[in-house]
Structure formats: C-alpha cells, structure tokens
Amino acid sequence: MNSEQTSVSPQVQLVEITEEHCDQRLDNFLIARLKGVPKSRIYRIVRKGEVRVNKGRVDVKYRLAVGDIVRIPPVRVAERSEESYVPQGLQAALQYGILFEDDGFLIVNKPAGFAVHGGSGVSSGIIEGLRLLRPEAHFLELVHRLDKDTSGCLIIAKKRSALKQLHELFRDNHVQKTYLALLAGQWARKKLVVNAPLLKNVSKGGERMVVISQAGKEAETLFRRMKVFADSTLVEASPKTGRTHQIRVHAASLGHPIVGDERYGRDDINRGFKGRGYKRMFLHAEKLTFQHPLTGVLLNILAPLPQPLEELLKHEQQV
C-alpha cells in the first residue's frame, strides 16, 4: 500500500463563506477542505463542538450561507504520498469517457466496479479519481449516484450554481433516466409499470437491504421488453423516482432479477451466467434526457453499452 505522512493543519482557521459554497452542507464543505481527514474524524469534531459556525454549535447537515464564519480547529491531516494514483481502468474512463462537458458540469460514462465516491472499505472512487486527474479544478461534486456495479451516465457539477440547478431538476423529476438491464428468465410482458414503495436499510442476515414495504417511500419503474433470449430478457427500465437499488428490487419482484445481481438475484442463476462470461451485474445507465439548466437546450446524452456486455449479448440465443 502507499505510505502516508501526517501533518497538522495550521492553527484555528476562520473561513468566511462566499457565494461559491452557499447552500453547501457543512460536512461536505469540511470533507473537501480537510482532504485526507477520515469522515468519522470530521463528524466527531463537529459533534464535539470544535467546529463552529458564527461562534455557535451546528449539526453536520447545516447548510452554509454567504457571510457565515466557520471555525475549523487544528486537525491532523493525512498527506497522500506521490505514489497516489488513479487505477488504469478508471483513468481511461475519466479521460476518454466524457460524454458531455461545459463550464457548469460534465457527464461521464462510469465504468462498472468503481464506487462513485470513497467510503467504508473503499479508498477512492469516481469523484476522488476525477479530482486527482484535474487538480486545477476548484469544484467537482457528484450530482447523483450510481451503484458500484452499475455503468453509464453520471453527472458531476463543476460549479456550485450548476449543482444546485441540477439537484432541482432531479428533485422535480425533470431528468428522464433510461437503463438497460438483462433479466434472468423469459419475461412474458411487453411493458409494465411497477409501483411498489421501497424501504431501505432493512437488515437481513447482517446485510443492509432495500425491501418492498408499505412503510417505505413511493417508487415507480417502467419496464419495456427489448429482446427475449433462451434464458434471459433484455429490458429498458425507466425509473420515475430515484430510490436506492430501485430497478434491482423492482426487477427481482417480477421474479426476474438482474443477471449478476449478487444482492437481490439468485446464486444458482448467477453462477450459470458467470460460467458464460458474465462477470458483473448487467445494469447500465444508458441515457439521460433533460433541459440544460442555463440554455434550455434539450440534452439527450447516450452512454454506449460497454463492449464486454455487447459481446456477451451477441452470443445469447434470441427467441
């Protein structure tokens, strides 16, 4: 592993919030400012009152306002050694997989197998890789998320104003998302809307799961059949809401889980497909359609299906 050195940040910092960081959550502001400090440490210093806003205690969810004075205590910061790197597969995707970019945001064709951000057990992800490759960028933030094993369209904001505008588009359901998924078995329907509320963080055998429950939040997905194969079905899935694992849970509820889904699929089915070369979950965020928040121009961003999945489909026997 790469070695890391540690140093202590300067004495107490008093930072005045400008328009650039207006409406940003305190925890996200501190994570970006104190690079190398574990999130758990950041949450702890806020909880203990070592971080203050306008001389008062605040919660990590506090949204900063222009003119706020944030007090940041001296914190031990881990400095990455020069050996820090972006894995080759991720580097290629971030350099050559840009589907759209302007002054406000970019859309990248995210590769499967990489988390969108670092977290528990994950040292770095898409956003950290992008920041390493673009050290001159002052602001890079995820607009939304994709599961680690899902590929396809991912939007990253380059300005706080763009982040806010894009969040509003997602919140008001003005972003149309279309996924391609390969379902296990032959699905008899041509089209179906699944409307089933989802409850997340339900523990099953120690694993956090999302389940269909009337106690959950409303979730709606439109499934359209594209091709039927001998033991699988290619579908287009359009989620009208953006719940965690929504397409995966709704597909499993049809009795046709997504091929390669180790959490909501069936082990015996996944083993059979693995033997035929399916090394990942077959879920791809193929298309995003929305009006550009500044110009009003309708954007239709298409992420080509990864070559390995294209090749696998060619060998499926179509019915």
Protein backbone atom coordinates (compact mmCIF):
# COMPACT_ATOMS: atom_id res chain seq x y z
CA MET A 1 0.00 0.00 0.00
CA ASN A 2 1.02 3.60 -0.47
CA SER A 3 2.66 5.10 2.56
CA GLU A 4 1.14 8.25 4.00
CA GLN A 5 2.68 11.01 6.04
CA THR A 6 0.75 13.06 8.55
CA SER A 7 0.93 16.70 9.39
CA VAL A 8 -1.13 19.09 11.46
CA SER A 9 -3.13 21.79 9.71
CA PRO A 10 -2.42 25.42 10.67
CA GLN A 11 -3.80 26.94 13.86
CA VAL A 12 -7.52 27.59 14.12
CA GLN A 13 -8.89 28.66 10.72
CA LEU A 14 -11.72 31.16 10.39
CA VAL A 15 -13.27 30.86 6.93
CA GLU A 16 -15.86 33.28 5.59
CA ILE A 17 -18.37 31.61 3.26
CA THR A 18 -18.75 33.13 -0.20
CA GLU A 19 -21.29 32.50 -2.97
CA GLU A 20 -19.20 29.52 -4.16
CA HIS A 21 -20.06 27.48 -1.05
CA CYS A 22 -23.52 28.91 -0.36
CA ASP A 23 -26.11 26.22 0.47
CA GLN A 24 -23.44 23.50 0.79
CA ARG A 25 -23.78 21.15 3.74
CA LEU A 26 -21.20 21.68 6.48
CA ASP A 27 -19.90 18.09 6.35
CA ASN A 28 -19.31 18.24 2.58
CA PHE A 29 -17.56 21.60 2.94
CA LEU A 30 -15.22 20.20 5.63
CA ILE A 31 -14.55 16.96 3.71
CA ALA A 32 -13.40 18.99 0.68
CA ARG A 33 -11.40 21.41 2.83
CA LEU A 34 -9.71 18.81 5.06
CA LYS A 35 -8.55 16.38 2.38
CA GLY A 36 -7.10 13.22 3.92
CA VAL A 37 -9.04 13.50 7.19
CA PRO A 38 -11.35 10.50 7.75
CA LYS A 39 -15.04 11.31 7.63
CA SER A 40 -15.51 9.80 11.08
CA ARG A 41 -13.00 12.30 12.48
CA ILE A 42 -14.78 15.22 10.77
CA TYR A 43 -18.15 14.16 12.17
CA ARG A 44 -16.59 13.78 15.61
CA ILE A 45 -15.07 17.29 15.73
CA VAL A 46 -18.42 18.77 14.65
CA ARG A 47 -20.31 16.73 17.25
CA LYS A 48 -17.88 17.82 19.99
CA GLY A 49 -18.36 21.48 19.04
CA GLU A 50 -14.78 22.00 17.86
CA VAL A 51 -16.18 23.24 14.55
CA ARG A 52 -18.38 26.30 14.96
CA VAL A 53 -20.42 28.48 12.63
CA ASN A 54 -20.84 32.10 13.72
CA LYS A 55 -19.45 31.07 17.13
CA GLY A 56 -22.24 28.55 17.68
CA ARG A 57 -22.57 24.76 17.54
CA VAL A 58 -24.25 23.35 14.44
CA ASP A 59 -25.16 19.97 13.01
CA VAL A 60 -23.21 18.40 10.12
CA LYS A 61 -26.34 18.85 7.96
CA TYR A 62 -26.28 22.63 8.45
CA ARG A 63 -26.36 24.44 5.08
CA LEU A 64 -23.87 27.27 4.82
CA ALA A 65 -24.96 30.82 3.96
CA VAL A 66 -22.99 33.70 2.45
CA GLY A 67 -21.19 35.57 5.24
CA ASP A 68 -21.10 32.64 7.69
CA ILE A 69 -17.83 32.38 9.61
CA VAL A 70 -16.72 28.75 10.01
CA ARG A 71 -14.21 27.95 12.74
CA ILE A 72 -12.03 24.94 11.83
CA PRO A 73 -9.75 23.60 14.61
CA PRO A 74 -6.20 22.28 14.04
CA VAL A 75 -6.66 18.78 12.59
CA ARG A 76 -4.16 16.07 11.80
CA VAL A 77 -4.26 15.69 8.02
CA ALA A 78 -3.04 12.65 6.10
CA GLU A 79 -0.97 13.78 3.15
CA ARG A 80 -1.06 11.37 0.24
CA SER A 81 2.34 10.32 -0.99
CA GLU A 82 3.36 10.97 -4.58
CA GLU A 83 2.55 7.32 -5.30
CA SER A 84 -1.19 8.05 -5.11
CA TYR A 85 -2.72 7.08 -8.42
CA VAL A 86 -5.96 6.53 -10.25
CA PRO A 87 -6.41 2.86 -11.30
CA GLN A 88 -5.80 2.37 -15.03
CA GLY A 89 -9.37 1.35 -15.89
CA LEU A 90 -10.81 4.33 -14.06
CA GLN A 91 -8.22 6.70 -15.51
CA ALA A 92 -9.15 5.69 -19.07
CA ALA A 93 -12.86 6.09 -18.34
CA LEU A 94 -12.38 9.55 -16.83
CA GLN A 95 -10.12 10.75 -19.64
CA TYR A 96 -11.84 9.21 -22.65
CA GLY A 97 -15.35 8.51 -21.38
CA ILE A 98 -16.58 12.11 -21.15
CA LEU A 99 -19.96 12.20 -22.92
CA PHE A 100 -20.67 15.91 -22.41
CA GLU A 101 -18.87 18.85 -20.79
CA ASP A 102 -19.31 22.60 -20.50
CA ASP A 103 -18.43 25.24 -17.88
CA GLY A 104 -21.07 24.03 -15.44
CA PHE A 105 -20.98 20.24 -15.44
CA LEU A 106 -19.75 17.11 -17.16
CA ILE A 107 -21.28 13.70 -17.84
CA VAL A 108 -19.01 10.66 -17.79
CA ASN A 109 -19.65 7.07 -18.87
CA LYS A 110 -18.92 5.49 -15.48
CA PRO A 111 -17.27 2.06 -15.62
CA ALA A 112 -18.66 -0.79 -13.54
CA GLY A 113 -16.67 -1.89 -10.50
CA PHE A 114 -15.91 1.58 -9.13
CA ALA A 115 -17.87 3.34 -6.39
CA VAL A 116 -18.90 6.91 -7.17
CA HIS A 117 -17.07 8.05 -4.02
CA GLY A 118 -14.75 6.65 -1.38
CA GLY A 119 -16.31 5.33 1.80
CA SER A 120 -16.29 2.36 4.12
CA GLY A 121 -13.78 -0.11 2.73
CA VAL A 122 -13.29 1.95 -0.45
CA SER A 123 -10.21 4.18 -0.58
CA SER A 124 -11.32 6.20 -3.58
CA GLY A 125 -13.98 6.38 -6.23
CA ILE A 126 -15.04 8.26 -9.36
CA ILE A 127 -15.13 11.71 -7.75
CA GLU A 128 -11.76 11.27 -5.98
CA GLY A 129 -10.21 9.99 -9.21
CA LEU A 130 -11.53 12.96 -11.14
CA ARG A 131 -10.16 15.40 -8.56
CA LEU A 132 -6.72 13.74 -8.77
CA LEU A 133 -6.73 13.92 -12.57
CA ARG A 134 -7.93 17.53 -12.54
CA PRO A 135 -6.00 19.22 -9.71
CA GLU A 136 -6.72 22.64 -11.21
CA ALA A 137 -10.49 22.19 -10.78
CA HIS A 138 -11.73 24.18 -7.77
CA PHE A 139 -15.11 22.44 -7.54
CA LEU A 140 -16.15 18.91 -8.51
CA GLU A 141 -19.18 17.32 -6.85
CA LEU A 142 -21.48 14.39 -7.65
CA VAL A 143 -24.96 15.44 -8.77
CA HIS A 144 -26.43 11.95 -8.26
CA ARG A 145 -25.22 8.40 -7.66
CA LEU A 146 -24.93 5.05 -9.40
CA ASP A 147 -24.28 1.73 -7.67
CA LYS A 148 -20.70 0.49 -7.76
CA ASP A 149 -21.52 -2.31 -10.22
CA THR A 150 -23.68 -0.13 -12.49
CA SER A 151 -22.12 1.54 -15.53
CA GLY A 152 -23.30 4.52 -17.58
CA CYS A 153 -24.25 8.19 -17.41
CA LEU A 154 -23.05 10.02 -14.28
CA ILE A 155 -23.27 13.80 -13.85
CA ILE A 156 -20.60 15.79 -11.98
CA ALA A 157 -21.02 19.51 -11.27
CA LYS A 158 -18.12 21.91 -11.82
CA LYS A 159 -19.81 24.86 -10.10
CA ARG A 160 -21.97 25.16 -7.01
CA SER A 161 -24.64 27.02 -9.00
CA ALA A 162 -24.82 24.14 -11.50
CA LEU A 163 -25.02 21.60 -8.67
CA LYS A 164 -28.00 23.45 -7.18
CA GLN A 165 -29.79 23.75 -10.55
CA LEU A 166 -29.25 20.09 -11.42
CA HIS A 167 -30.41 18.96 -7.97
CA GLU A 168 -33.63 20.89 -8.58
CA LEU A 169 -34.13 19.14 -11.94
CA PHE A 170 -33.71 15.73 -10.29
CA ARG A 171 -35.95 16.67 -7.36
CA ASP A 172 -38.73 17.86 -9.68
CA ASN A 173 -38.45 14.73 -11.86
CA HIS A 174 -37.30 16.73 -14.90
CA VAL A 175 -34.48 14.28 -15.67
CA GLN A 176 -35.53 11.22 -17.66
CA LYS A 177 -33.28 8.24 -16.90
CA THR A 178 -33.18 5.12 -19.07
CA TYR A 179 -31.31 1.96 -18.13
CA LEU A 180 -30.59 -1.28 -19.97
CA ALA A 181 -30.85 -4.43 -17.85
CA LEU A 182 -30.63 -8.12 -18.61
CA LEU A 183 -33.20 -10.02 -16.56
CA ALA A 184 -32.95 -13.70 -15.74
CA GLY A 185 -35.53 -15.86 -17.50
CA GLN A 186 -38.02 -15.06 -20.26
CA TRP A 187 -40.22 -12.14 -19.25
CA ALA A 188 -43.65 -12.57 -20.82
CA ARG A 189 -44.80 -8.96 -20.64
CA LYS A 190 -44.05 -6.33 -23.28
CA LYS A 191 -44.41 -3.42 -20.87
CA LEU A 192 -45.19 -2.98 -17.20
CA VAL A 193 -45.17 -0.20 -14.62
CA VAL A 194 -44.06 -1.44 -11.20
CA ASN A 195 -45.35 0.82 -8.46
CA ALA A 196 -44.07 -0.56 -5.17
CA PRO A 197 -42.82 1.51 -2.17
CA LEU A 198 -39.27 0.82 -1.02
CA LEU A 199 -37.84 0.76 2.49
CA LYS A 200 -34.06 0.82 2.82
CA ASN A 201 -31.58 -0.29 5.47
CA VAL A 202 -33.53 -3.40 6.46
CA SER A 203 -31.07 -5.89 7.90
CA LYS A 204 -31.19 -9.43 6.52
CA GLY A 205 -28.50 -11.74 7.83
CA GLY A 206 -26.36 -8.72 8.71
CA GLU A 207 -26.61 -7.23 5.20
CA ARG A 208 -28.37 -3.92 4.60
CA MET A 209 -31.15 -4.41 2.07
CA VAL A 210 -33.89 -2.46 0.33
CA VAL A 211 -37.30 -4.16 0.50
CA ILE A 212 -40.79 -3.54 -0.81
CA SER A 213 -42.83 -2.25 2.12
CA GLN A 214 -45.87 -0.05 2.64
CA ALA A 215 -43.74 1.72 5.27
CA GLY A 216 -41.30 2.77 2.54
CA LYS A 217 -41.18 5.62 0.05
CA GLU A 218 -43.09 5.69 -3.22
CA ALA A 219 -41.14 4.12 -6.10
CA GLU A 220 -42.18 3.65 -9.72
CA THR A 221 -40.33 1.97 -12.60
CA LEU A 222 -41.44 1.41 -16.19
CA PHE A 223 -40.07 -1.79 -17.77
CA ARG A 224 -40.12 -2.30 -21.56
CA ARG A 225 -39.12 -5.59 -23.17
CA MET A 226 -36.45 -5.21 -25.87
CA LYS A 227 -35.24 -8.74 -26.74
CA VAL A 228 -36.06 -12.21 -25.45
CA PHE A 229 -33.30 -14.83 -25.29
CA ALA A 230 -33.31 -18.51 -24.36
CA ASP A 231 -32.98 -17.85 -20.62
CA SER A 232 -32.85 -14.06 -20.27
CA THR A 233 -34.64 -10.88 -21.36
CA LEU A 234 -33.13 -7.53 -22.29
CA VAL A 235 -35.29 -4.68 -20.96
CA GLU A 236 -35.29 -0.92 -20.85
CA ALA A 237 -36.00 0.37 -17.32
CA SER A 238 -37.11 3.95 -16.71
CA PRO A 239 -37.34 4.88 -13.02
CA LYS A 240 -39.77 7.73 -12.33
CA THR A 241 -38.34 8.06 -8.81
CA GLY A 242 -34.75 7.73 -7.65
CA ARG A 243 -34.77 5.33 -4.72
CA THR A 244 -31.74 3.29 -3.68
CA HIS A 245 -31.49 -0.01 -5.64
CA GLN A 246 -34.92 0.74 -7.15
CA ILE A 247 -34.57 -1.05 -10.51
CA ARG A 248 -32.83 -4.03 -8.89
CA VAL A 249 -35.54 -4.58 -6.27
CA HIS A 250 -38.42 -3.97 -8.70
CA ALA A 251 -36.90 -6.40 -11.23
CA ALA A 252 -36.50 -9.07 -8.54
CA SER A 253 -40.15 -8.52 -7.53
CA LEU A 254 -41.17 -9.56 -11.07
CA GLY A 255 -39.49 -12.91 -10.49
CA HIS A 256 -36.79 -11.91 -12.98
CA PRO A 257 -33.81 -10.45 -11.08
CA ILE A 258 -30.99 -8.69 -12.94
CA VAL A 259 -28.31 -11.08 -14.16
CA GLY A 260 -25.24 -10.82 -11.90
CA ASP A 261 -27.04 -9.04 -9.05
CA GLU A 262 -25.45 -10.68 -6.02
CA ARG A 263 -27.68 -8.91 -3.50
CA TYR A 264 -31.17 -9.31 -4.96
CA GLY A 265 -30.59 -12.09 -7.51
CA ARG A 266 -30.35 -15.87 -7.19
CA ASP A 267 -27.00 -17.52 -6.59
CA ASP A 268 -27.70 -20.52 -8.83
CA ILE A 269 -28.74 -18.30 -11.77
CA ASN A 270 -25.73 -16.00 -11.30
CA ARG A 271 -23.37 -18.99 -11.22
CA GLY A 272 -24.72 -20.21 -14.55
CA PHE A 273 -24.27 -16.81 -16.22
CA LYS A 274 -20.79 -16.42 -14.71
CA GLY A 275 -19.81 -19.64 -16.45
CA ARG A 276 -20.75 -17.93 -19.72
CA GLY A 277 -18.60 -14.89 -19.04
CA TYR A 278 -20.92 -12.52 -17.14
CA LYS A 279 -18.53 -11.10 -14.57
CA ARG A 280 -20.69 -8.16 -13.42
CA MET A 281 -24.27 -7.07 -12.84
CA PHE A 282 -25.92 -6.30 -16.17
CA LEU A 283 -27.31 -2.85 -15.39
CA HIS A 284 -26.29 0.16 -17.48
CA ALA A 285 -27.47 3.79 -17.22
CA GLU A 286 -27.83 4.20 -20.98
CA LYS A 287 -29.47 7.60 -21.40
CA LEU A 288 -30.20 10.91 -19.67
CA THR A 289 -32.67 13.41 -21.15
CA PHE A 290 -33.17 16.86 -19.65
CA GLN A 291 -33.18 20.55 -20.46
CA HIS A 292 -29.86 22.30 -19.88
CA PRO A 293 -30.41 24.41 -16.73
CA LEU A 294 -28.84 27.52 -18.32
CA THR A 295 -29.51 27.34 -22.07
CA GLY A 296 -32.79 25.42 -22.03
CA VAL A 297 -31.48 23.19 -24.83
CA LEU A 298 -32.79 19.61 -24.62
CA LEU A 299 -29.87 17.25 -23.94
CA ASN A 300 -30.04 13.58 -24.94
CA ILE A 301 -26.89 12.00 -23.55
CA LEU A 302 -26.24 8.40 -24.58
CA ALA A 303 -23.66 6.11 -22.95
CA PRO A 304 -22.76 3.18 -25.24
CA LEU A 305 -23.15 -0.25 -23.67
CA PRO A 306 -19.69 -1.45 -22.53
CA GLN A 307 -18.02 -3.63 -25.16
CA PRO A 308 -17.86 -6.78 -22.95
CA LEU A 309 -21.64 -6.65 -22.44
CA GLU A 310 -22.23 -6.06 -26.17
CA GLU A 311 -20.11 -9.11 -26.97
CA LEU A 312 -21.94 -11.28 -24.43
CA LEU A 313 -25.33 -10.31 -25.87
CA LYS A 314 -24.20 -11.34 -29.35
CA HIS A 315 -23.77 -14.89 -28.09
CA GLU A 316 -27.19 -15.09 -26.44
CA GLN A 317 -29.68 -17.14 -28.40
CA GLN A 318 -32.56 -14.86 -29.37
CA VAL A 319 -36.08 -16.30 -29.36
